[in-house]
N, C-alpha and C. Protein backbone atom coordinates (compact mmCIF):
# COMPACT_ATOMS: atom_id res chain seq x y z
N MET A 1 5.36 -10.41 -14.94
CA MET A 1 4.94 -9.12 -14.42
C MET A 1 3.72 -8.61 -15.17
N ALA A 2 3.62 -8.95 -16.43
CA ALA A 2 2.49 -8.45 -17.22
C ALA A 2 1.16 -8.96 -16.68
N ALA A 3 1.18 -10.12 -16.04
CA ALA A 3 -0.04 -10.69 -15.50
C ALA A 3 -0.39 -10.15 -14.12
N THR A 4 0.50 -9.36 -13.54
CA THR A 4 0.28 -8.83 -12.20
C THR A 4 0.10 -7.32 -12.26
N PRO A 5 -1.12 -6.85 -12.09
CA PRO A 5 -1.32 -5.39 -12.11
C PRO A 5 -0.71 -4.73 -10.87
N HIS A 6 -0.37 -3.46 -11.02
CA HIS A 6 0.27 -2.75 -9.90
C HIS A 6 -0.64 -2.68 -8.68
N THR A 7 -1.94 -2.77 -8.89
CA THR A 7 -2.87 -2.67 -7.76
C THR A 7 -2.66 -3.80 -6.76
N VAL A 8 -2.18 -4.94 -7.22
CA VAL A 8 -1.90 -6.06 -6.33
C VAL A 8 -0.78 -5.71 -5.36
N LEU A 9 0.17 -4.92 -5.81
CA LEU A 9 1.31 -4.55 -4.97
C LEU A 9 0.93 -3.62 -3.84
N VAL A 10 -0.09 -2.83 -4.01
CA VAL A 10 -0.43 -1.81 -3.02
C VAL A 10 -1.77 -2.07 -2.33
N ASP A 11 -2.39 -3.18 -2.63
CA ASP A 11 -3.69 -3.48 -2.04
C ASP A 11 -3.58 -3.58 -0.52
N GLY A 12 -4.34 -2.76 0.17
CA GLY A 12 -4.37 -2.79 1.62
C GLY A 12 -3.18 -2.13 2.30
N VAL A 13 -2.38 -1.39 1.53
CA VAL A 13 -1.19 -0.75 2.07
C VAL A 13 -1.35 0.77 1.96
N THR A 14 -0.85 1.47 2.95
CA THR A 14 -0.88 2.94 2.92
C THR A 14 0.56 3.46 2.89
N PRO A 15 0.74 4.71 2.49
CA PRO A 15 2.09 5.29 2.56
C PRO A 15 2.67 5.22 3.98
N GLN A 16 1.82 5.36 4.99
CA GLN A 16 2.27 5.28 6.38
C GLN A 16 2.80 3.88 6.70
N ASP A 17 2.15 2.84 6.16
CA ASP A 17 2.63 1.47 6.35
C ASP A 17 4.03 1.30 5.77
N LEU A 18 4.22 1.83 4.58
CA LEU A 18 5.51 1.69 3.91
C LEU A 18 6.60 2.45 4.65
N ALA A 19 6.28 3.64 5.16
CA ALA A 19 7.26 4.42 5.94
C ALA A 19 7.62 3.67 7.22
N ALA A 20 6.62 3.12 7.89
CA ALA A 20 6.87 2.38 9.15
C ALA A 20 7.71 1.13 8.90
N ALA A 21 7.55 0.52 7.73
CA ALA A 21 8.31 -0.69 7.39
C ALA A 21 9.68 -0.36 6.81
N ASP A 22 9.99 0.93 6.70
CA ASP A 22 11.28 1.39 6.17
C ASP A 22 11.50 0.93 4.73
N VAL A 23 10.41 0.98 3.94
CA VAL A 23 10.49 0.61 2.53
C VAL A 23 11.07 1.78 1.74
N TYR A 24 12.11 1.48 0.97
CA TYR A 24 12.79 2.51 0.17
C TYR A 24 11.87 3.00 -0.94
N PRO A 25 11.83 4.26 -1.22
CA PRO A 25 12.46 5.38 -0.56
C PRO A 25 11.54 5.95 0.53
N VAL A 26 11.97 5.84 1.74
CA VAL A 26 11.16 6.21 2.90
C VAL A 26 10.66 7.65 2.81
N VAL A 27 11.49 8.55 2.32
CA VAL A 27 11.10 9.97 2.26
C VAL A 27 9.81 10.16 1.44
N VAL A 28 9.62 9.35 0.42
CA VAL A 28 8.41 9.45 -0.40
C VAL A 28 7.18 9.12 0.44
N TRP A 29 7.28 8.08 1.24
CA TRP A 29 6.13 7.65 2.05
C TRP A 29 5.91 8.58 3.24
N GLU A 30 6.99 9.11 3.79
CA GLU A 30 6.85 10.05 4.90
C GLU A 30 6.14 11.33 4.44
N ARG A 31 6.33 11.69 3.18
CA ARG A 31 5.64 12.87 2.63
C ARG A 31 4.18 12.55 2.33
N GLY A 32 3.82 11.26 2.35
CA GLY A 32 2.45 10.87 2.07
C GLY A 32 2.13 10.83 0.59
N GLU A 33 3.16 10.60 -0.23
CA GLU A 33 2.92 10.52 -1.68
C GLU A 33 1.90 9.42 -1.97
N PRO A 34 1.08 9.61 -2.97
CA PRO A 34 0.09 8.58 -3.31
C PRO A 34 0.77 7.32 -3.83
N LEU A 35 0.11 6.20 -3.66
CA LEU A 35 0.67 4.93 -4.10
C LEU A 35 0.74 4.82 -5.62
N GLU A 36 0.15 5.76 -6.32
CA GLU A 36 0.27 5.80 -7.78
C GLU A 36 1.74 5.96 -8.18
N TRP A 37 2.54 6.51 -7.28
CA TRP A 37 3.98 6.63 -7.51
C TRP A 37 4.57 5.26 -7.81
N VAL A 38 4.13 4.24 -7.07
CA VAL A 38 4.58 2.86 -7.30
C VAL A 38 4.14 2.39 -8.67
N ALA A 39 2.90 2.69 -9.03
CA ALA A 39 2.35 2.23 -10.30
C ALA A 39 3.16 2.74 -11.48
N ASP A 40 3.54 3.99 -11.45
CA ASP A 40 4.32 4.56 -12.54
C ASP A 40 5.65 3.82 -12.72
N HIS A 41 6.34 3.58 -11.64
CA HIS A 41 7.62 2.89 -11.70
C HIS A 41 7.45 1.41 -12.05
N TYR A 42 6.39 0.81 -11.55
CA TYR A 42 6.13 -0.60 -11.86
C TYR A 42 5.88 -0.79 -13.36
N ARG A 43 5.12 0.10 -13.95
CA ARG A 43 4.86 0.01 -15.39
C ARG A 43 6.16 0.13 -16.19
N GLN A 44 7.02 1.04 -15.79
CA GLN A 44 8.30 1.20 -16.47
C GLN A 44 9.18 -0.05 -16.30
N LEU A 45 9.18 -0.61 -15.10
CA LEU A 45 9.97 -1.81 -14.84
C LEU A 45 9.44 -2.99 -15.64
N ALA A 46 8.13 -3.15 -15.69
CA ALA A 46 7.52 -4.23 -16.46
C ALA A 46 7.88 -4.10 -17.93
N ARG A 47 7.85 -2.89 -18.46
CA ARG A 47 8.23 -2.67 -19.85
C ARG A 47 9.69 -3.03 -20.08
N PHE A 48 10.55 -2.64 -19.16
CA PHE A 48 11.97 -2.95 -19.27
C PHE A 48 12.19 -4.47 -19.37
N PHE A 49 11.56 -5.23 -18.48
CA PHE A 49 11.69 -6.69 -18.51
C PHE A 49 11.07 -7.29 -19.76
N ARG A 50 9.95 -6.75 -20.20
CA ARG A 50 9.29 -7.26 -21.41
C ARG A 50 10.19 -7.09 -22.63
N VAL A 51 10.80 -5.92 -22.77
CA VAL A 51 11.68 -5.65 -23.91
C VAL A 51 12.95 -6.52 -23.82
N ALA A 52 13.49 -6.67 -22.62
CA ALA A 52 14.67 -7.52 -22.45
C ALA A 52 14.35 -8.96 -22.84
N ALA A 53 13.21 -9.45 -22.41
CA ALA A 53 12.81 -10.82 -22.76
C ALA A 53 12.59 -10.96 -24.26
N ARG A 54 11.94 -9.99 -24.84
CA ARG A 54 11.69 -10.01 -26.29
C ARG A 54 12.99 -10.07 -27.08
N ASP A 55 13.97 -9.30 -26.62
CA ASP A 55 15.25 -9.22 -27.33
C ASP A 55 16.25 -10.29 -26.91
N GLY A 56 15.86 -11.15 -25.97
CA GLY A 56 16.75 -12.21 -25.52
C GLY A 56 17.89 -11.72 -24.65
N ASP A 57 17.71 -10.57 -24.02
CA ASP A 57 18.74 -9.99 -23.17
C ASP A 57 18.60 -10.48 -21.73
N ALA A 58 19.73 -10.65 -21.07
CA ALA A 58 19.73 -11.01 -19.67
C ALA A 58 19.57 -9.74 -18.83
N VAL A 59 19.00 -9.90 -17.64
CA VAL A 59 18.87 -8.78 -16.70
C VAL A 59 19.54 -9.21 -15.40
N PHE A 60 20.48 -8.40 -14.97
CA PHE A 60 21.20 -8.68 -13.72
C PHE A 60 20.84 -7.59 -12.73
N MET A 61 20.42 -7.99 -11.54
CA MET A 61 20.06 -7.02 -10.51
C MET A 61 20.88 -7.30 -9.26
N TRP A 62 21.38 -6.25 -8.68
CA TRP A 62 22.15 -6.36 -7.44
C TRP A 62 21.44 -5.52 -6.38
N ILE A 63 21.01 -6.19 -5.33
CA ILE A 63 20.34 -5.50 -4.24
C ILE A 63 21.13 -5.75 -2.98
N SER A 64 21.59 -4.69 -2.38
CA SER A 64 22.36 -4.87 -1.15
C SER A 64 21.92 -3.89 -0.10
């Protein structure tokens, strides 16, 4: 994740695109929030994984 900047995730995408694709959380995109919202959370997630890797911790994710 450290090698992938957040800009890659949102390149060519608008909040309207995300709302139309039903990307969670839809309410954020329907309000027209800026894509910087993604960047803030992406940075936090990248840090979480970096620290887990550094400490040798496993990360389990459940998406349903």
